[in-house]
Amino acid sequence: MPFIEGESADSVWQKALNMIMADGALNVSDSRTGATREVLHAHMRVTNPRQRWVVSRFPPVNPAFAIADAVWMVLGREDSAFLNAWNSQLPKFAGEGAAYHGAYGFRLRHRFGLDQLERVYQVLSSNSSTRQAVLQLWDPAIDLPSPDGTPVAADIPCNVCALLKVRNGRLDWMQILRSNDLMLGAPYNFIQFTTLQEVVAGWIGVEIGEYHHLSDSLHIYERDLPNVYGSHPVSEIANTDSLALSRAQSLEVFAQLGEFIERLADPGITQGELSSCQSVVGLPQSYRNLLCVVVAEAARRRLWTSSSNDSIEACTNPTLRYVWRRWCQRFVHDQGGSSQL
């Protein structure tokens, strides 16, 4: 089993990229959407999961979409419109329709007849040494392929389950994936599940521990090789924010974020209304910083440059300002607007 470790998600991602390009075999037959370079059974260990942003990838990750996605997950939603507003290319990968088949948050909070996050919170609060805190994402009844081997939906979960352990007052998280695109999927997976790890750690009142990411098929599509060659190590800036809150406060904050993110996607919002979102009172500063990034993106898309700049300057987290600026580097505005990738 290939083993990769590092303090940050970015350092681990860089090592995984180098490993696949050095040792990955060309795999043509096993991919329905193109040839891949693949490494099987890869284990990635991030010792400081707060450093969750992959900054070396080209093109840079979409920070507003990543934030919206994490909020969408915690809220247990499955509606596609919430995410599509921040990533217009998503339906190409996850399919059309009002709801996404593989929505992780919905599966965690609703799919199996119970709220798994709530149950895990109760279990780990009562018995922190348990080895039975498992979050299930894969549902064989609706996810296994048809008998002829064809997928039953466009959006089949790549993440299968998560294993949670509290040891020495810290919450460790093992995420298990059946399939993992290192270029398109993994950078967002790190953000999704380390965010969830930090949120749950706050609920049960422990520190965040290590994040482990076990990919049964870690791969890169051959069509993405130009982006691979365009990806280079860049300087990282330490994330200064903690997302750990009590359960009651956390649920209230995420509900507020969800409302603001939907409001910011409304095509009828005015520039004044948009700008007022960044100064909302009542949110902890770490969450206001997340909202500032989404406000900045909403303004950028409307070519409201001053509002976009003001919003990102109001963000006190240097990591978020950094990933935002890297994201903006990929755009050249024209009179017709800009891409919403």
C-alpha atoms as a PDB file:
ATOM      1  CA  MET A   1       0.000   0.000   0.000  1.00  0.00           C
ATOM      2  CA  PRO A   2       1.569   3.324  -1.046  1.00  0.00           C
ATOM      3  CA  PHE A   3       1.792   5.629   1.981  1.00  0.00           C
ATOM      4  CA  ILE A   4       2.085   9.405   1.747  1.00  0.00           C
ATOM      5  CA  GLU A   5       2.185  11.786   4.683  1.00  0.00           C
ATOM      6  CA  GLY A   6       2.621  15.462   5.323  1.00  0.00           C
ATOM      7  CA  GLU A   7       1.512  18.260   7.586  1.00  0.00           C
ATOM      8  CA  SER A   8      -0.830  19.857   5.058  1.00  0.00           C
ATOM      9  CA  ALA A   9      -3.240  18.632   2.406  1.00  0.00           C
ATOM     10  CA  ASP A  10      -1.190  20.497  -0.184  1.00  0.00           C
ATOM     11  CA  SER A  11       2.083  18.760   0.694  1.00  0.00           C
ATOM     12  CA  VAL A  12       0.353  15.369   0.598  1.00  0.00           C
ATOM     13  CA  TRP A  13      -1.319  16.211  -2.710  1.00  0.00           C
ATOM     14  CA  GLN A  14       2.005  17.194  -4.282  1.00  0.00           C
ATOM     15  CA  LYS A  15       3.595  13.906  -3.191  1.00  0.00           C
ATOM     16  CA  ALA A  16       0.652  11.921  -4.540  1.00  0.00           C
ATOM     17  CA  LEU A  17       0.900  13.726  -7.870  1.00  0.00           C
ATOM     18  CA  ASN A  18       4.607  12.947  -8.128  1.00  0.00           C
ATOM     19  CA  MET A  19       3.963   9.316  -7.226  1.00  0.00           C
ATOM     20  CA  ILE A  20       1.329   8.813  -9.901  1.00  0.00           C
ATOM     21  CA  MET A  21       3.390  10.496 -12.581  1.00  0.00           C
ATOM     22  CA  ALA A  22       6.441   8.422 -11.641  1.00  0.00           C
ATOM     23  CA  ASP A  23       4.841   5.067 -10.929  1.00  0.00           C
ATOM     24  CA  GLY A  24       1.277   5.147 -12.231  1.00  0.00           C
ATOM     25  CA  ALA A  25       0.383   2.704 -14.958  1.00  0.00           C
ATOM     26  CA  LEU A  26      -1.720   3.693 -17.958  1.00  0.00           C
ATOM     27  CA  ASN A  27      -5.112   2.107 -17.403  1.00  0.00           C
ATOM     28  CA  VAL A  28      -7.398   2.194 -20.424  1.00  0.00           C
ATOM     29  CA  SER A  29      -9.930  -0.552 -19.894  1.00  0.00           C
ATOM     30  CA  ASP A  30     -11.185   0.227 -16.406  1.00  0.00           C
ATOM     31  CA  SER A  31     -12.333   3.812 -16.964  1.00  0.00           C
ATOM     32  CA  ARG A  32     -15.611   4.533 -18.715  1.00  0.00           C
ATOM     33  CA  THR A  33     -14.692   8.194 -19.266  1.00  0.00           C
ATOM     34  CA  GLY A  34     -11.115   7.938 -20.522  1.00  0.00           C
ATOM     35  CA  ALA A  35      -7.644   6.588 -19.929  1.00  0.00           C
ATOM     36  CA  THR A  36      -6.141   7.137 -16.498  1.00  0.00           C
ATOM     37  CA  ARG A  37      -2.852   6.858 -14.679  1.00  0.00           C
ATOM     38  CA  GLU A  38      -3.749   4.931 -11.557  1.00  0.00           C
ATOM     39  CA  VAL A  39      -2.238   3.857  -8.242  1.00  0.00           C
ATOM     40  CA  LEU A  40      -4.218   1.374  -6.160  1.00  0.00           C
ATOM     41  CA  HIS A  41      -4.774   1.379  -2.378  1.00  0.00           C
ATOM     42  CA  ALA A  42      -3.101   4.720  -1.643  1.00  0.00           C
ATOM     43  CA  HIS A  43      -3.044   5.913   1.973  1.00  0.00           C
ATOM     44  CA  MET A  44      -2.614   9.664   2.531  1.00  0.00           C
ATOM     45  CA  ARG A  45      -2.059  11.078   6.032  1.00  0.00           C
ATOM     46  CA  VAL A  46      -2.489  14.774   6.860  1.00  0.00           C
ATOM     47  CA  THR A  47      -1.171  15.536  10.337  1.00  0.00           C
ATOM     48  CA  ASN A  48      -2.642  19.065  10.531  1.00  0.00           C
ATOM     49  CA  PRO A  49      -6.069  18.896   8.845  1.00  0.00           C
ATOM     50  CA  ARG A  50      -6.764  22.605   9.352  1.00  0.00           C
ATOM     51  CA  GLN A  51      -4.257  23.101   6.528  1.00  0.00           C
ATOM     52  CA  ARG A  52      -6.884  21.729   4.165  1.00  0.00           C
ATOM     53  CA  TRP A  53      -6.445  23.844   1.047  1.00  0.00           C
ATOM     54  CA  VAL A  54      -4.560  22.412  -1.926  1.00  0.00           C
ATOM     55  CA  VAL A  55      -2.856  25.506  -3.325  1.00  0.00           C
ATOM     56  CA  SER A  56      -0.419  23.928  -5.793  1.00  0.00           C
ATOM     57  CA  ARG A  57      -3.030  22.601  -8.204  1.00  0.00           C
ATOM     58  CA  PHE A  58      -3.468  24.161 -11.618  1.00  0.00           C
ATOM     59  CA  PRO A  59      -6.046  25.417 -12.242  1.00  0.00           C
ATOM     60  CA  PRO A  60      -6.570  26.723  -8.691  1.00  0.00           C
ATOM     61  CA  VAL A  61      -9.492  25.382  -6.687  1.00  0.00           C
ATOM     62  CA  ASN A  62     -12.723  27.378  -6.578  1.00  0.00           C
ATOM     63  CA  PRO A  63     -12.843  28.553  -2.944  1.00  0.00           C
ATOM     64  CA  ALA A  64     -16.443  29.832  -2.961  1.00  0.00           C
ATOM     65  CA  PHE A  65     -17.675  26.541  -4.371  1.00  0.00           C
ATOM     66  CA  ALA A  66     -15.625  24.575  -1.835  1.00  0.00           C
ATOM     67  CA  ILE A  67     -17.115  26.608   1.017  1.00  0.00           C
ATOM     68  CA  ALA A  68     -20.657  26.271  -0.342  1.00  0.00           C
ATOM     69  CA  ASP A  69     -20.122  22.530  -0.749  1.00  0.00           C
ATOM     70  CA  ALA A  70     -18.997  22.112   2.875  1.00  0.00           C
ATOM     71  CA  VAL A  71     -21.991  24.101   4.128  1.00  0.00           C
ATOM     72  CA  TRP A  72     -24.320  22.069   1.875  1.00  0.00           C
ATOM     73  CA  MET A  73     -22.930  18.875   3.402  1.00  0.00           C
ATOM     74  CA  VAL A  74     -23.269  19.924   7.032  1.00  0.00           C
ATOM     75  CA  LEU A  75     -26.842  21.054   6.377  1.00  0.00           C
ATOM     76  CA  GLY A  76     -27.676  17.652   4.896  1.00  0.00           C
ATOM     77  CA  ARG A  77     -28.930  19.017   1.596  1.00  0.00           C
ATOM     78  CA  GLU A  78     -29.212  17.333  -1.792  1.00  0.00           C
ATOM     79  CA  ASP A  79     -30.621  20.129  -3.989  1.00  0.00           C
ATOM     80  CA  SER A  80     -28.405  20.686  -7.018  1.00  0.00           C
ATOM     81  CA  ALA A  81     -29.278  24.372  -7.468  1.00  0.00           C
ATOM     82  CA  PHE A  82     -27.451  25.347  -4.270  1.00  0.00           C
ATOM     83  CA  LEU A  83     -24.142  24.009  -5.627  1.00  0.00           C
ATOM     84  CA  ASN A  84     -24.650  24.679  -9.318  1.00  0.00           C
ATOM     85  CA  ALA A  85     -24.876  28.395  -8.532  1.00  0.00           C
ATOM     86  CA  TRP A  86     -21.177  28.274  -7.589  1.00  0.00           C
ATOM     87  CA  ASN A  87     -19.952  25.710 -10.113  1.00  0.00           C
ATOM     88  CA  SER A  88     -21.727  25.812 -13.440  1.00  0.00           C
ATOM     89  CA  GLN A  89     -19.702  22.826 -14.687  1.00  0.00           C
ATOM     90  CA  LEU A  90     -20.896  20.472 -11.952  1.00  0.00           C
ATOM     91  CA  PRO A  91     -23.859  18.993 -13.903  1.00  0.00           C
ATOM     92  CA  LYS A  92     -21.386  17.715 -16.516  1.00  0.00           C
ATOM     93  CA  PHE A  93     -19.969  15.390 -13.861  1.00  0.00           C
ATOM     94  CA  ALA A  94     -22.901  14.810 -11.494  1.00  0.00           C
ATOM     95  CA  GLY A  95     -25.831  14.882 -13.910  1.00  0.00           C
ATOM     96  CA  GLU A  96     -28.893  17.001 -14.417  1.00  0.00           C
ATOM     97  CA  GLY A  97     -31.861  17.110 -12.078  1.00  0.00           C
ATOM     98  CA  ALA A  98     -33.179  18.878  -9.017  1.00  0.00           C
ATOM     99  CA  ALA A  99     -31.246  16.672  -6.559  1.00  0.00           C
ATOM    100  CA  TYR A 100     -27.850  15.013  -6.668  1.00  0.00           C
ATOM    101  CA  HIS A 101     -27.998  11.250  -6.315  1.00  0.00           C
ATOM    102  CA  GLY A 102     -24.796  10.981  -4.287  1.00  0.00           C
ATOM    103  CA  ALA A 103     -25.180  14.044  -2.049  1.00  0.00           C
ATOM    104  CA  TYR A 104     -22.934  13.252   0.924  1.00  0.00           C
ATOM    105  CA  GLY A 105     -24.629  15.507   3.439  1.00  0.00           C
ATOM    106  CA  PHE A 106     -28.090  14.194   2.650  1.00  0.00           C
ATOM    107  CA  ARG A 107     -26.846  10.638   3.015  1.00  0.00           C
ATOM    108  CA  LEU A 108     -25.218  11.416   6.339  1.00  0.00           C
ATOM    109  CA  ARG A 109     -28.204  13.201   7.805  1.00  0.00           C
ATOM    110  CA  HIS A 110     -31.248  11.624   6.137  1.00  0.00           C
ATOM    111  CA  ARG A 111     -30.641   8.727   3.770  1.00  0.00           C
ATOM    112  CA  PHE A 112     -30.647   5.722   6.095  1.00  0.00           C
ATOM    113  CA  GLY A 113     -33.488   6.763   8.370  1.00  0.00           C
ATOM    114  CA  LEU A 114     -31.324   8.506  10.964  1.00  0.00           C
ATOM    115  CA  ASP A 115     -29.056  11.484  11.347  1.00  0.00           C
ATOM    116  CA  GLN A 116     -25.642   9.826  11.441  1.00  0.00           C
ATOM    117  CA  LEU A 117     -23.851  13.004  12.517  1.00  0.00           C
ATOM    118  CA  GLU A 118     -26.218  13.410  15.443  1.00  0.00           C
ATOM    119  CA  ARG A 119     -25.812   9.761  16.451  1.00  0.00           C
ATOM    120  CA  VAL A 120     -22.008   9.920  16.219  1.00  0.00           C
ATOM    121  CA  TYR A 121     -22.062  13.074  18.333  1.00  0.00           C
ATOM    122  CA  GLN A 122     -24.119  11.270  20.985  1.00  0.00           C
ATOM    123  CA  VAL A 123     -21.982   8.127  20.853  1.00  0.00           C
ATOM    124  CA  LEU A 124     -18.593   9.845  21.062  1.00  0.00           C
ATOM    125  CA  SER A 125     -19.826  12.195  23.785  1.00  0.00           C
ATOM    126  CA  SER A 126     -20.895   9.193  25.857  1.00  0.00           C
ATOM    127  CA  ASN A 127     -18.110   6.759  24.986  1.00  0.00           C
ATOM    128  CA  SER A 128     -15.047   8.403  23.491  1.00  0.00           C
ATOM    129  CA  SER A 129     -13.113   5.119  23.293  1.00  0.00           C
ATOM    130  CA  THR A 130     -15.620   3.387  21.006  1.00  0.00           C
ATOM    131  CA  ARG A 131     -14.482   1.802  17.754  1.00  0.00           C
ATOM    132  CA  GLN A 132     -17.994   1.751  16.334  1.00  0.00           C
ATOM    133  CA  ALA A 133     -18.340   5.367  15.179  1.00  0.00           C
ATOM    134  CA  VAL A 134     -18.790   4.772  11.447  1.00  0.00           C
ATOM    135  CA  LEU A 135     -20.420   7.120   8.957  1.00  0.00           C
ATOM    136  CA  GLN A 136     -21.924   5.279   5.982  1.00  0.00           C
ATOM    137  CA  LEU A 137     -22.194   6.925   2.566  1.00  0.00           C
ATOM    138  CA  TRP A 138     -22.467   4.000   0.150  1.00  0.00           C
ATOM    139  CA  ASP A 139     -25.934   2.509  -0.272  1.00  0.00           C
ATOM    140  CA  PRO A 140     -25.814  -0.741  -2.270  1.00  0.00           C
ATOM    141  CA  ALA A 141     -29.541  -0.620  -2.927  1.00  0.00           C
ATOM    142  CA  ILE A 142     -29.138   2.462  -5.110  1.00  0.00           C
ATOM    143  CA  ASP A 143     -25.401   2.598  -5.893  1.00  0.00           C
ATOM    144  CA  LEU A 144     -24.329  -0.825  -7.159  1.00  0.00           C
ATOM    145  CA  PRO A 145     -24.161  -0.987 -10.954  1.00  0.00           C
ATOM    146  CA  SER A 146     -26.825  -2.671 -13.038  1.00  0.00           C
ATOM    147  CA  PRO A 147     -26.249  -6.386 -13.665  1.00  0.00           C
ATOM    148  CA  ASP A 148     -24.689  -5.535 -17.025  1.00  0.00           C
ATOM    149  CA  GLY A 149     -22.128  -3.321 -15.270  1.00  0.00           C
ATOM    150  CA  THR A 150     -23.478   0.071 -16.300  1.00  0.00           C
ATOM    151  CA  PRO A 151     -23.739   2.802 -13.624  1.00  0.00           C
ATOM    152  CA  VAL A 152     -27.230   3.441 -12.298  1.00  0.00           C
ATOM    153  CA  ALA A 153     -26.664   7.211 -12.028  1.00  0.00           C
ATOM    154  CA  ALA A 154     -24.192   9.894 -13.025  1.00  0.00           C
ATOM    155  CA  ASP A 155     -23.443  10.844  -9.420  1.00  0.00           C
ATOM    156  CA  ILE A 156     -22.308   7.637  -7.715  1.00  0.00           C
ATOM    157  CA  PRO A 157     -20.506   8.372  -4.416  1.00  0.00           C
ATOM    158  CA  CYS A 158     -16.743   8.072  -4.547  1.00  0.00           C
ATOM    159  CA  ASN A 159     -16.574   8.306  -0.760  1.00  0.00           C
ATOM    160  CA  VAL A 160     -17.763   5.060   0.803  1.00  0.00           C
ATOM    161  CA  CYS A 161     -17.556   5.614   4.567  1.00  0.00           C
ATOM    162  CA  ALA A 162     -15.693   7.367   7.367  1.00  0.00           C
ATOM    163  CA  LEU A 163     -14.220   5.887  10.548  1.00  0.00           C
ATOM    164  CA  LEU A 164     -13.973   8.178  13.581  1.00  0.00           C
ATOM    165  CA  LYS A 165     -11.768   7.581  16.614  1.00  0.00           C
ATOM    166  CA  VAL A 166     -11.133   9.765  19.658  1.00  0.00           C
ATOM    167  CA  ARG A 167      -7.712   9.061  21.112  1.00  0.00           C
ATOM    168  CA  ASN A 168      -5.753  11.215  23.567  1.00  0.00           C
ATOM    169  CA  GLY A 169      -8.411  13.910  23.406  1.00  0.00           C
ATOM    170  CA  ARG A 170      -8.233  14.264  19.621  1.00  0.00           C
ATOM    171  CA  LEU A 171     -10.616  13.201  16.871  1.00  0.00           C
ATOM    172  CA  ASP A 172      -8.890  11.191  14.126  1.00  0.00           C
ATOM    173  CA  TRP A 173     -10.736  10.671  10.865  1.00  0.00           C
ATOM    174  CA  MET A 174     -10.281   7.909   8.269  1.00  0.00           C
ATOM    175  CA  GLN A 175     -12.029   8.591   4.965  1.00  0.00           C
ATOM    176  CA  ILE A 176     -12.365   5.614   2.607  1.00  0.00           C
ATOM    177  CA  LEU A 177     -12.919   6.097  -1.122  1.00  0.00           C
ATOM    178  CA  ARG A 178     -13.576   3.570  -3.849  1.00  0.00           C
ATOM    179  CA  SER A 179     -12.360   6.001  -6.537  1.00  0.00           C
ATOM    180  CA  ASN A 180     -10.512   9.311  -6.332  1.00  0.00           C
ATOM    181  CA  ASP A 181      -9.565  11.718  -9.114  1.00  0.00           C
ATOM    182  CA  LEU A 182      -6.480  13.453  -7.757  1.00  0.00           C
ATOM    183  CA  MET A 183      -6.921  16.540  -9.928  1.00  0.00           C
ATOM    184  CA  LEU A 184     -10.657  17.179  -9.748  1.00  0.00           C
ATOM    185  CA  GLY A 185     -11.889  15.339  -6.666  1.00  0.00           C
ATOM    186  CA  ALA A 186      -9.195  15.038  -4.017  1.00  0.00           C
ATOM    187  CA  PRO A 187      -8.602  18.779  -3.381  1.00  0.00           C
ATOM    188  CA  TYR A 188     -12.302  19.226  -2.616  1.00  0.00           C
ATOM    189  CA  ASN A 189     -12.514  15.962  -0.660  1.00  0.00           C
ATOM    190  CA  PHE A 190      -9.818  17.232   1.696  1.00  0.00           C
ATOM    191  CA  ILE A 191     -11.836  20.398   2.312  1.00  0.00           C
ATOM    192  CA  GLN A 192     -15.152  18.555   2.689  1.00  0.00           C
ATOM    193  CA  PHE A 193     -14.112  15.964   5.214  1.00  0.00           C
ATOM    194  CA  THR A 194     -11.520  17.847   7.241  1.00  0.00           C
ATOM    195  CA  THR A 195     -14.169  20.542   7.678  1.00  0.00           C
ATOM    196  CA  LEU A 196     -16.619  17.896   8.856  1.00  0.00           C
ATOM    197  CA  GLN A 197     -13.904  16.469  11.116  1.00  0.00           C
ATOM    198  CA  GLU A 198     -13.310  19.851  12.743  1.00  0.00           C
ATOM    199  CA  VAL A 199     -17.037  20.490  13.124  1.00  0.00           C
ATOM    200  CA  VAL A 200     -17.656  17.126  14.827  1.00  0.00           C
ATOM    201  CA  ALA A 201     -14.585  17.616  17.046  1.00  0.00           C
ATOM    202  CA  GLY A 202     -16.122  20.888  18.208  1.00  0.00           C
ATOM    203  CA  TRP A 203     -19.453  19.200  18.894  1.00  0.00           C
ATOM    204  CA  ILE A 204     -17.901  16.622  21.197  1.00  0.00           C
ATOM    205  CA  GLY A 205     -15.421  19.054  22.764  1.00  0.00           C
ATOM    206  CA  VAL A 206     -12.097  17.570  21.633  1.00  0.00           C
ATOM    207  CA  GLU A 207      -9.209  18.768  19.480  1.00  0.00           C
ATOM    208  CA  ILE A 208      -8.917  17.897  15.819  1.00  0.00           C
ATOM    209  CA  GLY A 209      -6.541  14.994  15.235  1.00  0.00           C
ATOM    210  CA  GLU A 210      -5.057  13.467  12.087  1.00  0.00           C
ATOM    211  CA  TYR A 211      -6.890  13.031   8.800  1.00  0.00           C
ATOM    212  CA  HIS A 212      -6.361   9.799   6.858  1.00  0.00           C
ATOM    213  CA  HIS A 213      -7.528   9.409   3.262  1.00  0.00           C
ATOM    214  CA  LEU A 214      -7.582   5.879   1.832  1.00  0.00           C
ATOM    215  CA  SER A 215      -8.128   5.827  -1.947  1.00  0.00           C
ATOM    216  CA  ASP A 216      -8.665   2.395  -3.454  1.00  0.00           C
ATOM    217  CA  SER A 217      -8.139   3.888  -6.915  1.00  0.00           C
ATOM    218  CA  LEU A 218      -6.163   7.122  -6.935  1.00  0.00           C
ATOM    219  CA  HIS A 219      -5.909   8.323 -10.496  1.00  0.00           C
ATOM    220  CA  ILE A 220      -5.392  11.123 -12.988  1.00  0.00           C
ATOM    221  CA  TYR A 221      -7.117  11.251 -16.344  1.00  0.00           C
ATOM    222  CA  GLU A 222      -4.799  11.467 -19.293  1.00  0.00           C
ATOM    223  CA  ARG A 223      -6.864  14.376 -20.602  1.00  0.00           C
ATOM    224  CA  ASP A 224      -5.822  16.368 -17.495  1.00  0.00           C
ATOM    225  CA  LEU A 225      -2.084  15.954 -18.051  1.00  0.00           C
ATOM    226  CA  PRO A 226      -1.683  19.555 -19.305  1.00  0.00           C
ATOM    227  CA  ASN A 227      -2.999  20.694 -15.908  1.00  0.00           C
ATOM    228  CA  VAL A 228      -0.665  18.266 -14.158  1.00  0.00           C
ATOM    229  CA  TYR A 229       2.309  19.815 -15.911  1.00  0.00           C
ATOM    230  CA  GLY A 230       0.994  23.265 -15.009  1.00  0.00           C
ATOM    231  CA  SER A 231       0.804  22.442 -11.291  1.00  0.00           C
ATOM    232  CA  HIS A 232       3.808  23.555  -9.276  1.00  0.00           C
ATOM    233  CA  PRO A 233       4.560  23.863  -5.547  1.00  0.00           C
ATOM    234  CA  VAL A 234       3.749  27.283  -4.170  1.00  0.00           C
ATOM    235  CA  SER A 235       4.226  28.820  -0.766  1.00  0.00           C
ATOM    236  CA  GLU A 236       1.572  27.950   1.787  1.00  0.00           C
ATOM    237  CA  ILE A 237       0.184  30.272   4.437  1.00  0.00           C
ATOM    238  CA  ALA A 238      -1.010  28.746   7.694  1.00  0.00           C
ATOM    239  CA  ASN A 239      -4.751  28.680   8.270  1.00  0.00           C
ATOM    240  CA  THR A 240      -5.417  30.714  11.402  1.00  0.00           C
ATOM    241  CA  ASP A 241      -9.104  29.892  11.909  1.00  0.00           C
ATOM    242  CA  SER A 242     -10.837  27.195  13.919  1.00  0.00           C
ATOM    243  CA  LEU A 243     -14.297  25.974  12.911  1.00  0.00           C
ATOM    244  CA  ALA A 244     -14.871  24.151  16.202  1.00  0.00           C
ATOM    245  CA  LEU A 245     -18.041  25.253  17.986  1.00  0.00           C
ATOM    246  CA  SER A 246     -20.533  23.651  20.327  1.00  0.00           C
ATOM    247  CA  ARG A 247     -23.166  21.618  18.526  1.00  0.00           C
ATOM    248  CA  ALA A 248     -25.965  24.136  19.191  1.00  0.00           C
ATOM    249  CA  GLN A 249     -23.928  27.125  18.026  1.00  0.00           C
ATOM    250  CA  SER A 250     -22.522  25.201  15.057  1.00  0.00           C
ATOM    251  CA  LEU A 251     -25.950  24.236  13.743  1.00  0.00           C
ATOM    252  CA  GLU A 252     -27.161  27.813  14.067  1.00  0.00           C
ATOM    253  CA  VAL A 253     -24.114  29.198  12.278  1.00  0.00           C
ATOM    254  CA  PHE A 254     -24.330  26.734   9.386  1.00  0.00           C
ATOM    255  CA  ALA A 255     -28.033  27.483   8.952  1.00  0.00           C
ATOM    256  CA  GLN A 256     -27.161  31.191   8.690  1.00  0.00           C
ATOM    257  CA  LEU A 257     -24.384  30.499   6.195  1.00  0.00           C
ATOM    258  CA  GLY A 258     -26.745  28.454   4.061  1.00  0.00           C
ATOM    259  CA  GLU A 259     -29.245  31.308   3.952  1.00  0.00           C
ATOM    260  CA  PHE A 260     -26.574  33.858   3.029  1.00  0.00           C
ATOM    261  CA  ILE A 261     -25.080  31.646   0.307  1.00  0.00           C
ATOM    262  CA  GLU A 262     -28.490  31.225  -1.310  1.00  0.00           C
ATOM    263  CA  ARG A 263     -29.128  34.952  -1.079  1.00  0.00           C
ATOM    264  CA  LEU A 264     -25.791  35.727  -2.716  1.00  0.00           C
ATOM    265  CA  ALA A 265     -26.669  33.464  -5.644  1.00  0.00           C
ATOM    266  CA  ASP A 266     -29.910  35.339  -6.301  1.00  0.00           C
ATOM    267  CA  PRO A 267     -29.563  37.139  -9.654  1.00  0.00           C
ATOM    268  CA  GLY A 268     -31.750  39.941  -8.312  1.00  0.00           C
ATOM    269  CA  ILE A 269     -29.512  40.885  -5.404  1.00  0.00           C
ATOM    270  CA  THR A 270     -28.326  44.503  -5.440  1.00  0.00           C
ATOM    271  CA  GLN A 271     -24.744  45.608  -4.897  1.00  0.00           C
ATOM    272  CA  GLY A 272     -25.688  47.179  -1.584  1.00  0.00           C
ATOM    273  CA  GLU A 273     -27.456  44.042  -0.388  1.00  0.00           C
ATOM    274  CA  LEU A 274     -24.480  41.931  -1.429  1.00  0.00           C
ATOM    275  CA  SER A 275     -21.992  44.157   0.366  1.00  0.00           C
ATOM    276  CA  SER A 276     -24.065  44.109   3.553  1.00  0.00           C
ATOM    277  CA  CYS A 277     -23.669  40.325   3.783  1.00  0.00           C
ATOM    278  CA  GLN A 278     -19.975  40.584   4.668  1.00  0.00           C
ATOM    279  CA  SER A 279     -20.688  42.710   7.732  1.00  0.00           C
ATOM    280  CA  VAL A 280     -23.323  40.448   9.257  1.00  0.00           C
ATOM    281  CA  VAL A 281     -23.140  40.424  13.041  1.00  0.00           C
ATOM    282  CA  GLY A 282     -23.440  37.317  15.159  1.00  0.00           C
ATOM    283  CA  LEU A 283     -21.202  35.005  13.140  1.00  0.00           C
ATOM    284  CA  PRO A 284     -17.891  33.955  14.689  1.00  0.00           C
ATOM    285  CA  GLN A 285     -14.983  35.561  12.853  1.00  0.00           C
ATOM    286  CA  SER A 286     -13.812  32.264  11.347  1.00  0.00           C
ATOM    287  CA  TYR A 287     -17.211  31.804   9.703  1.00  0.00           C
ATOM    288  CA  ARG A 288     -17.453  35.447   8.690  1.00  0.00           C
ATOM    289  CA  ASN A 289     -14.187  34.838   6.850  1.00  0.00           C
ATOM    290  CA  LEU A 290     -15.762  32.002   4.901  1.00  0.00           C
ATOM    291  CA  LEU A 291     -18.715  34.201   4.043  1.00  0.00           C
ATOM    292  CA  CYS A 292     -16.401  37.009   2.905  1.00  0.00           C
ATOM    293  CA  VAL A 293     -14.941  34.690   0.252  1.00  0.00           C
ATOM    294  CA  VAL A 294     -18.390  33.797  -1.072  1.00  0.00           C
ATOM    295  CA  VAL A 295     -19.413  37.471  -1.102  1.00  0.00           C
ATOM    296  CA  ALA A 296     -16.214  38.330  -2.992  1.00  0.00           C
ATOM    297  CA  GLU A 297     -16.965  35.675  -5.593  1.00  0.00           C
ATOM    298  CA  ALA A 298     -20.583  36.784  -5.982  1.00  0.00           C
ATOM    299  CA  ALA A 299     -19.359  40.347  -6.563  1.00  0.00           C
ATOM    300  CA  ARG A 300     -16.568  39.277  -8.933  1.00  0.00           C
ATOM    301  CA  ARG A 301     -19.034  37.479 -11.176  1.00  0.00           C
ATOM    302  CA  ARG A 302     -21.157  40.609 -11.418  1.00  0.00           C
ATOM    303  CA  LEU A 303     -18.039  42.707 -12.153  1.00  0.00           C
ATOM    304  CA  TRP A 304     -18.578  44.685  -8.945  1.00  0.00           C
ATOM    305  CA  THR A 305     -14.854  44.984  -8.407  1.00  0.00           C
ATOM    306  CA  SER A 306     -14.898  47.381  -5.470  1.00  0.00           C
ATOM    307  CA  SER A 307     -17.342  45.187  -3.532  1.00  0.00           C
ATOM    308  CA  SER A 308     -15.264  42.114  -4.306  1.00  0.00           C
ATOM    309  CA  ASN A 309     -12.064  43.775  -3.100  1.00  0.00           C
ATOM    310  CA  ASP A 310     -13.731  45.165   0.019  1.00  0.00           C
ATOM    311  CA  SER A 311     -15.099  41.767   0.940  1.00  0.00           C
ATOM    312  CA  ILE A 312     -11.848  39.879   0.615  1.00  0.00           C
ATOM    313  CA  GLU A 313     -10.031  42.615   2.543  1.00  0.00           C
ATOM    314  CA  ALA A 314     -12.548  42.120   5.371  1.00  0.00           C
ATOM    315  CA  CYS A 315     -11.426  38.497   5.605  1.00  0.00           C
ATOM    316  CA  THR A 316      -8.871  38.140   8.400  1.00  0.00           C
ATOM    317  CA  ASN A 317      -7.747  34.635   7.418  1.00  0.00           C
ATOM    318  CA  PRO A 318      -4.540  34.839   5.327  1.00  0.00           C
ATOM    319  CA  THR A 319      -5.076  31.368   3.858  1.00  0.00           C
ATOM    320  CA  LEU A 320      -8.507  32.264   2.512  1.00  0.00           C
ATOM    321  CA  ARG A 321      -7.213  35.532   1.062  1.00  0.00           C
ATOM    322  CA  TYR A 322      -4.392  33.558  -0.569  1.00  0.00           C
ATOM    323  CA  VAL A 323      -6.572  30.886  -2.162  1.00  0.00           C
ATOM    324  CA  TRP A 324      -8.971  33.594  -3.314  1.00  0.00           C
ATOM    325  CA  ARG A 325      -6.205  35.516  -5.085  1.00  0.00           C
ATOM    326  CA  ARG A 326      -4.904  32.371  -6.722  1.00  0.00           C
ATOM    327  CA  TRP A 327      -8.427  31.628  -7.922  1.00  0.00           C
ATOM    328  CA  CYS A 328      -8.742  35.108  -9.429  1.00  0.00           C
ATOM    329  CA  GLN A 329      -5.499  34.660 -11.363  1.00  0.00           C
ATOM    330  CA  ARG A 330      -7.225  32.276 -13.746  1.00  0.00           C
ATOM    331  CA  PHE A 331      -9.666  34.879 -15.056  1.00  0.00           C
ATOM    332  CA  VAL A 332      -9.399  37.552 -17.690  1.00  0.00           C
ATOM    333  CA  HIS A 333     -12.533  39.672 -17.647  1.00  0.00           C
ATOM    334  CA  ASP A 334     -14.185  40.651 -20.853  1.00  0.00           C
ATOM    335  CA  GLN A 335     -17.295  42.679 -21.574  1.00  0.00           C
ATOM    336  CA  GLY A 336     -19.462  39.593 -21.408  1.00  0.00           C
ATOM    337  CA  GLY A 337     -18.471  38.649 -17.855  1.00  0.00           C
ATOM    338  CA  SER A 338     -16.333  35.793 -16.583  1.00  0.00           C
ATOM    339  CA  SER A 339     -16.307  32.061 -16.189  1.00  0.00           C
ATOM    340  CA  GLN A 340     -18.117  30.491 -13.254  1.00  0.00           C
ATOM    341  CA  LEU A 341     -16.066  27.312 -13.035  1.00  0.00           C
END
